[in-house]
């Protein structure tokens, strides 16, 4: 006869091989706990909610002008570079690492593309390929130092940031290649600055590339063995190693791909500016980390969605455009973004309790 247990807790009784099993008690879950668990399973939901709320609030404050197709697509244009670099940063942070050299890799790759054309007369197509390869090589060096020499990611990429930054100024001699010269001799370098108009919406190829890149990486991370290995390495590298994951190879591949994406961002940067400037984009390492944190990706690794990173970048864009259209001091943007960063980390800690 089954034992009747009464009280605030519910139970389930299982029968195994004709033998009665001890009642298994299940703690009832509150609505807050269920919501917490839902956010844990879908980490991009929080930044999506914040993004939609921000758009609605600024739309109410500013009016229909903010909801125009041009204004909303302008946000995508403004955050395209941050979104592409943020994708590179996301891959590394998912492995519980950090990439402080992303901005420097991006700028030096763009300088190489431009200088190879104007200094050495190399065809633009070859110059672009060389820039992409160079970005991937720097990422490979970072990954090798982290994975095989067991050096801390923060120290490796901090040092590489200084090295690449110095190399950028030494190689370019601080020379800016003018937009008119590039347009005349190598228009391919400005490809991502070209626009497509759909109704009242105007999108650059750079913005379209950001969205496509994010969706492709989202699919790869969720539906391929390599993507699952990235999450496994970030969550628990020792357990992943025991499960047969080649942890070192995964880390090297992540940093290499990150460098390649940064070089792609360098090409997009030329299109955004129209010129090749060795002093541009120096703060993209900070901007990318900001997008990642606001996007709900855990800095402890192993949890988060690259879609959340894109939402995080768009949130920054919405705040920048909205406050600018409202006529406030630009410093308010930094203040509110700082609040969002701290709030995002606090929410991440709260959500992580759902897995405990």
Protein backbone atom coordinates (compact mmCIF):
# COMPACT_ATOMS: atom_id res chain seq x y z
CA UNK A 1 0.00 0.00 0.00
CA UNK A 2 1.34 3.44 -0.94
CA UNK A 3 2.06 5.77 1.91
CA UNK A 4 -0.15 8.87 1.98
CA UNK A 5 2.00 11.85 2.73
CA UNK A 6 0.13 15.10 3.39
CA UNK A 7 1.58 18.58 3.65
CA UNK A 8 2.58 21.61 1.60
CA UNK A 9 4.86 19.57 -0.68
CA UNK A 10 3.63 17.40 -3.53
CA UNK A 11 5.12 14.02 -4.42
CA UNK A 12 5.39 11.45 -7.16
CA UNK A 13 5.43 7.68 -6.66
CA UNK A 14 7.32 5.50 -9.10
CA UNK A 15 7.00 1.71 -9.46
CA UNK A 16 10.21 0.03 -10.68
CA UNK A 17 10.28 -3.74 -11.41
CA UNK A 18 7.18 -4.31 -9.31
CA UNK A 19 8.81 -2.75 -6.26
CA UNK A 20 7.45 0.43 -4.74
CA UNK A 21 9.91 3.32 -4.66
CA UNK A 22 10.16 5.92 -1.90
CA UNK A 23 8.08 9.01 -2.64
CA UNK A 24 10.06 11.72 -4.39
CA UNK A 25 9.23 15.16 -3.07
CA UNK A 26 9.05 18.09 -5.47
CA UNK A 27 9.34 21.61 -4.11
CA UNK A 28 6.54 23.80 -5.51
CA UNK A 29 7.93 26.64 -7.65
CA UNK A 30 6.75 30.21 -7.42
CA UNK A 31 6.05 32.43 -10.45
CA UNK A 32 9.31 34.28 -9.81
CA UNK A 33 11.27 31.01 -9.84
CA UNK A 34 9.57 29.90 -13.06
CA UNK A 35 10.37 33.28 -14.65
CA UNK A 36 13.96 32.99 -13.41
CA UNK A 37 14.25 29.54 -14.96
CA UNK A 38 12.80 30.78 -18.26
CA UNK A 39 15.39 33.57 -18.40
CA UNK A 40 18.11 31.02 -17.65
CA UNK A 41 16.99 28.88 -20.59
CA UNK A 42 16.59 31.90 -22.91
CA UNK A 43 19.26 34.43 -21.88
CA UNK A 44 18.62 36.72 -24.86
CA UNK A 45 15.11 37.42 -23.57
CA UNK A 46 16.24 40.03 -21.03
CA UNK A 47 18.07 42.31 -23.52
CA UNK A 48 15.21 41.86 -26.01
CA UNK A 49 12.73 43.09 -23.39
CA UNK A 50 15.00 46.03 -22.52
CA UNK A 51 15.43 46.86 -26.23
CA UNK A 52 11.70 46.87 -26.95
CA UNK A 53 11.00 48.90 -23.78
CA UNK A 54 13.68 51.44 -24.76
CA UNK A 55 12.23 51.86 -28.25
CA UNK A 56 8.73 52.36 -26.83
CA UNK A 57 9.86 54.86 -24.18
CA UNK A 58 11.87 56.98 -26.62
CA UNK A 59 9.05 56.73 -29.15
CA UNK A 60 6.61 58.14 -26.60
CA UNK A 61 9.01 60.89 -25.48
CA UNK A 62 10.23 61.98 -28.92
CA UNK A 63 7.19 61.12 -31.00
CA UNK A 64 6.60 59.55 -34.39
CA UNK A 65 9.92 60.91 -35.68
CA UNK A 66 11.73 58.26 -33.64
CA UNK A 67 9.59 55.49 -35.14
CA UNK A 68 10.42 56.45 -38.72
CA UNK A 69 12.04 53.77 -40.84
CA UNK A 70 15.06 55.98 -41.40
CA UNK A 71 15.66 56.57 -37.67
CA UNK A 72 15.34 52.91 -36.74
CA UNK A 73 17.62 51.72 -39.53
CA UNK A 74 20.10 54.46 -38.61
CA UNK A 75 20.55 52.61 -35.32
CA UNK A 76 21.64 49.50 -37.22
CA UNK A 77 24.12 51.55 -39.24
CA UNK A 78 25.61 53.07 -36.09
CA UNK A 79 26.10 49.77 -34.27
CA UNK A 80 27.22 47.67 -37.26
CA UNK A 81 30.92 47.77 -36.37
CA UNK A 82 30.28 47.17 -32.66
CA UNK A 83 27.99 44.27 -33.55
CA UNK A 84 30.57 42.57 -35.78
CA UNK A 85 33.37 43.02 -33.24
CA UNK A 86 30.91 41.99 -30.51
CA UNK A 87 30.36 38.69 -32.35
CA UNK A 88 34.10 38.04 -32.13
CA UNK A 89 34.10 38.99 -28.45
CA UNK A 90 31.11 36.75 -27.76
CA UNK A 91 32.86 33.63 -29.04
CA UNK A 92 35.82 34.21 -26.71
CA UNK A 93 33.70 35.09 -23.65
CA UNK A 94 31.60 31.95 -24.13
CA UNK A 95 34.82 29.99 -23.44
CA UNK A 96 35.26 32.01 -20.20
CA UNK A 97 37.99 34.13 -21.82
CA UNK A 98 38.28 37.78 -22.78
CA UNK A 99 39.61 39.51 -25.90
CA UNK A 100 41.03 42.98 -25.28
CA UNK A 101 42.80 43.23 -28.63
CA UNK A 102 39.71 43.08 -30.88
CA UNK A 103 39.71 46.81 -31.64
CA UNK A 104 43.42 46.90 -32.41
CA UNK A 105 43.16 43.85 -34.69
CA UNK A 106 40.29 45.49 -36.54
CA UNK A 107 42.14 48.77 -37.13
CA UNK A 108 45.46 47.19 -38.14
CA UNK A 109 43.67 44.85 -40.56
CA UNK A 110 41.99 47.85 -42.20
CA UNK A 111 45.35 49.65 -42.39
CA UNK A 112 46.94 46.61 -44.05
CA UNK A 113 44.15 46.45 -46.64
CA UNK A 114 44.61 50.11 -47.49
CA UNK A 115 48.40 50.24 -47.41
CA UNK A 116 48.79 47.09 -49.49
CA UNK A 117 46.81 48.78 -52.25
CA UNK A 118 48.32 52.27 -52.10
CA UNK A 119 51.87 51.51 -50.97
CA UNK A 120 52.59 48.28 -52.84
CA UNK A 121 50.08 48.41 -55.70
CA UNK A 122 48.47 45.09 -54.75
CA UNK A 123 44.99 44.52 -56.23
CA UNK A 124 42.22 45.37 -53.71
CA UNK A 125 40.87 41.80 -53.72
CA UNK A 126 44.26 40.41 -52.68
CA UNK A 127 44.75 43.20 -50.15
CA UNK A 128 41.43 42.38 -48.48
CA UNK A 129 42.33 38.69 -48.29
CA UNK A 130 45.72 39.58 -46.77
CA UNK A 131 44.00 41.72 -44.14
CA UNK A 132 41.60 38.90 -43.26
CA UNK A 133 44.44 36.38 -43.00
CA UNK A 134 46.44 38.75 -40.81
CA UNK A 135 43.51 39.12 -38.39
CA UNK A 136 43.12 35.36 -38.20
CA UNK A 137 46.85 34.90 -37.52
CA UNK A 138 46.79 37.29 -34.58
CA UNK A 139 43.79 35.42 -33.20
CA UNK A 140 45.65 32.14 -33.68
CA UNK A 141 48.63 33.45 -31.70
CA UNK A 142 46.31 34.59 -28.89
CA UNK A 143 44.56 31.22 -28.82
CA UNK A 144 47.82 29.29 -28.81
CA UNK A 145 49.20 31.30 -25.90
CA UNK A 146 45.98 30.81 -23.93
CA UNK A 147 45.31 27.16 -24.73
CA UNK A 148 48.73 25.59 -25.06
CA UNK A 149 50.87 27.78 -22.82
CA UNK A 150 48.11 28.20 -20.21
CA UNK A 151 48.53 31.97 -20.01
CA UNK A 152 45.58 34.01 -18.67
CA UNK A 153 43.41 35.38 -21.52
CA UNK A 154 43.29 38.81 -19.92
CA UNK A 155 47.10 39.12 -19.84
CA UNK A 156 47.62 37.65 -23.32
CA UNK A 157 45.11 39.89 -25.06
CA UNK A 158 46.11 42.96 -23.04
CA UNK A 159 49.69 42.46 -24.18
CA UNK A 160 48.59 41.77 -27.76
CA UNK A 161 46.47 44.93 -27.72
CA UNK A 162 49.58 46.99 -26.93
CA UNK A 163 51.69 45.16 -29.53
CA UNK A 164 49.14 45.47 -32.34
CA UNK A 165 48.38 49.08 -31.45
CA UNK A 166 52.05 50.00 -31.65
CA UNK A 167 52.49 48.03 -34.89
CA UNK A 168 49.52 49.88 -36.33
CA UNK A 169 51.07 53.33 -35.80
CA UNK A 170 54.57 52.23 -36.79
CA UNK A 171 53.44 50.57 -40.02
CA UNK A 172 50.98 53.29 -41.08
CA UNK A 173 53.24 56.17 -39.99
CA UNK A 174 49.97 57.62 -38.68
CA UNK A 175 48.91 58.25 -42.29
CA UNK A 176 45.24 58.46 -43.20
CA UNK A 177 44.16 57.34 -46.67
CA UNK A 178 41.54 59.76 -47.95
CA UNK A 179 38.06 58.66 -48.95
CA UNK A 180 38.33 60.25 -52.41
CA UNK A 181 41.56 58.39 -53.18
CA UNK A 182 40.04 55.07 -52.11
CA UNK A 183 36.91 55.71 -54.16
CA UNK A 184 39.00 56.39 -57.26
CA UNK A 185 41.53 53.56 -56.94
CA UNK A 186 40.00 50.83 -54.72
CA UNK A 187 36.21 51.17 -54.32
CA UNK A 188 36.07 47.56 -53.14
CA UNK A 189 37.48 48.72 -49.80
CA UNK A 190 34.38 50.89 -49.32
CA UNK A 191 31.98 48.07 -50.22
CA UNK A 192 30.34 47.83 -46.77
CA UNK A 193 29.51 51.53 -46.84
CA UNK A 194 27.18 51.07 -49.83
CA UNK A 195 23.50 51.36 -49.01
CA UNK A 196 20.29 49.58 -49.90
CA UNK A 197 17.00 51.48 -49.67
CA UNK A 198 13.80 49.64 -48.82
CA UNK A 199 10.92 52.07 -48.62
CA UNK A 200 12.10 54.68 -46.15
CA UNK A 201 14.64 52.35 -44.60
CA UNK A 202 18.28 52.76 -45.56
CA UNK A 203 20.67 49.96 -44.66
CA UNK A 204 24.37 49.71 -45.34
CA UNK A 205 25.95 46.43 -46.38
CA UNK A 206 27.87 46.64 -43.10
CA UNK A 207 24.63 46.55 -41.08
CA UNK A 208 23.26 43.70 -43.19
CA UNK A 209 26.52 41.79 -42.71
CA UNK A 210 26.29 42.23 -38.94
CA UNK A 211 22.79 40.73 -38.85
CA UNK A 212 23.70 37.84 -41.17
CA UNK A 213 26.89 37.10 -39.23
CA UNK A 214 25.04 37.01 -35.92
CA UNK A 215 22.34 34.67 -37.23
CA UNK A 216 24.88 32.34 -38.85
CA UNK A 217 26.94 32.15 -35.64
CA UNK A 218 23.77 31.66 -33.59
CA UNK A 219 22.92 28.64 -35.71
CA UNK A 220 26.47 27.27 -35.55
CA UNK A 221 26.68 27.66 -31.78
CA UNK A 222 23.34 25.95 -31.16
CA UNK A 223 23.19 23.28 -33.85
CA UNK A 224 26.73 22.06 -34.53
CA UNK A 225 29.14 19.91 -32.54
CA UNK A 226 31.71 22.72 -32.55
CA UNK A 227 29.20 25.16 -31.10
CA UNK A 228 28.22 22.77 -28.32
CA UNK A 229 31.91 22.23 -27.56
CA UNK A 230 32.38 26.00 -27.20
CA UNK A 231 29.66 26.12 -24.54
CA UNK A 232 31.02 23.00 -22.85
CA UNK A 233 34.54 24.46 -22.62
CA UNK A 234 33.20 27.67 -21.12
CA UNK A 235 30.99 25.86 -18.63
CA UNK A 236 33.53 23.33 -17.33
CA UNK A 237 36.72 22.65 -19.34
CA UNK A 238 37.75 19.68 -17.20
CA UNK A 239 34.39 17.96 -17.62
CA UNK A 240 34.49 18.74 -21.35
CA UNK A 241 37.95 17.15 -21.58
CA UNK A 242 36.68 14.01 -19.85
CA UNK A 243 33.75 13.92 -22.28
CA UNK A 244 36.17 13.77 -25.21
CA UNK A 245 36.17 17.44 -26.24
CA UNK A 246 39.54 18.66 -27.52
CA UNK A 247 39.55 21.73 -25.29
CA UNK A 248 42.82 23.22 -26.55
CA UNK A 249 41.82 22.91 -30.20
CA UNK A 250 38.43 24.48 -29.50
CA UNK A 251 40.00 27.46 -27.73
CA UNK A 252 42.54 28.01 -30.53
CA UNK A 253 39.80 27.82 -33.16
CA UNK A 254 37.65 30.30 -31.23
CA UNK A 255 40.42 32.90 -30.97
CA UNK A 256 41.38 32.37 -34.62
CA UNK A 257 37.81 32.86 -35.79
CA UNK A 258 37.53 35.88 -33.49
CA UNK A 259 40.58 37.47 -35.16
CA UNK A 260 39.17 36.76 -38.61
CA UNK A 261 35.86 38.41 -37.68
CA UNK A 262 37.74 41.43 -36.33
CA UNK A 263 39.51 41.74 -39.68
CA UNK A 264 36.11 41.61 -41.37
CA UNK A 265 35.07 44.45 -39.06
CA UNK A 266 38.16 46.33 -40.25
CA UNK A 267 36.95 46.05 -43.83
CA UNK A 268 33.49 47.21 -42.73
CA UNK A 269 35.12 50.09 -40.84
CA UNK A 270 36.63 51.41 -44.08
CA UNK A 271 33.15 51.39 -45.60
CA UNK A 272 31.69 53.15 -42.56
CA UNK A 273 34.31 55.93 -42.57
CA UNK A 274 35.10 55.95 -46.26
CA UNK A 275 38.77 56.33 -45.35
CA UNK A 276 41.51 54.26 -43.72
CA UNK A 277 42.48 55.83 -40.43
CA UNK A 278 44.95 54.27 -37.94
CA UNK A 279 43.33 56.22 -35.09
CA UNK A 280 39.73 55.03 -35.59
CA UNK A 281 37.92 52.35 -33.62
CA UNK A 282 40.37 52.29 -30.73
CA UNK A 283 37.60 51.78 -28.15
CA UNK A 284 35.80 48.93 -29.88
CA UNK A 285 37.23 46.49 -27.33
CA UNK A 286 35.25 48.32 -24.62
CA UNK A 287 32.19 48.75 -26.84
CA UNK A 288 32.14 45.05 -27.70
CA UNK A 289 32.38 44.00 -24.06
CA UNK A 290 29.57 46.45 -23.26
CA UNK A 291 27.34 44.87 -25.92
CA UNK A 292 28.17 41.38 -24.64
CA UNK A 293 27.44 42.21 -20.99
CA UNK A 294 24.21 44.10 -21.68
CA UNK A 295 23.27 41.26 -24.03
CA UNK A 296 23.09 38.85 -21.10
CA UNK A 297 26.14 36.74 -21.94
CA UNK A 298 27.79 35.50 -18.77
CA UNK A 299 31.38 36.64 -18.26
CA UNK A 300 31.92 33.31 -16.46
CA UNK A 301 31.47 31.51 -19.79
CA UNK A 302 29.22 28.71 -20.98
CA UNK A 303 25.94 30.63 -21.02
CA UNK A 304 24.39 33.23 -23.26
CA UNK A 305 23.23 33.85 -26.81
CA UNK A 306 24.98 35.80 -29.53
CA UNK A 307 21.55 37.22 -30.41
CA UNK A 308 21.60 38.82 -26.97
CA UNK A 309 24.87 40.54 -27.90
CA UNK A 310 23.23 42.08 -30.96
CA UNK A 311 20.31 43.23 -28.82
CA UNK A 312 22.82 44.72 -26.38
CA UNK A 313 24.52 46.66 -29.17
CA UNK A 314 21.14 47.88 -30.42
CA UNK A 315 20.22 49.03 -26.90
CA UNK A 316 23.31 51.24 -26.86
CA UNK A 317 22.34 52.54 -30.31
CA UNK A 318 18.78 53.28 -29.21
CA UNK A 319 20.00 55.21 -26.17
CA UNK A 320 22.55 57.16 -28.22
CA UNK A 321 20.08 58.12 -30.94
CA UNK A 322 17.15 58.70 -28.59
CA UNK A 323 19.01 60.96 -26.20
CA UNK A 324 20.62 62.77 -29.14
CA UNK A 325 17.23 63.46 -30.73
CA UNK A 326 15.90 64.62 -27.36
CA UNK A 327 18.75 67.11 -27.12
CA UNK A 328 20.36 65.91 -23.89
CA UNK A 329 24.03 66.09 -22.99
CA UNK A 330 25.91 63.09 -24.52
CA UNK A 331 27.28 62.27 -21.06
CA UNK A 332 23.83 61.01 -20.09
CA UNK A 333 24.31 58.22 -22.60
CA UNK A 334 27.47 57.03 -20.84
CA UNK A 335 25.76 57.32 -17.46
CA UNK A 336 22.74 55.23 -18.47
CA UNK A 337 24.87 52.66 -20.29
CA UNK A 338 26.99 52.32 -17.15
CA UNK A 339 23.85 51.69 -15.11
CA UNK A 340 22.73 49.09 -17.66
CA UNK A 341 26.08 47.28 -17.46
CA UNK A 342 25.91 46.97 -13.68
CA UNK A 343 22.24 45.96 -13.83
CA UNK A 344 23.00 43.33 -16.49
CA UNK A 345 25.68 41.72 -14.33
CA UNK A 346 23.33 41.75 -11.33
CA UNK A 347 20.58 40.10 -13.40
CA UNK A 348 23.08 37.51 -14.66
CA UNK A 349 24.00 36.59 -11.09
CA UNK A 350 20.32 36.30 -10.19
CA UNK A 351 19.57 34.13 -13.22
CA UNK A 352 22.54 31.86 -12.48
CA UNK A 353 20.83 30.88 -9.22
CA UNK A 354 18.22 29.08 -11.29
CA UNK A 355 20.88 26.53 -12.27
CA UNK A 356 22.09 26.08 -8.70
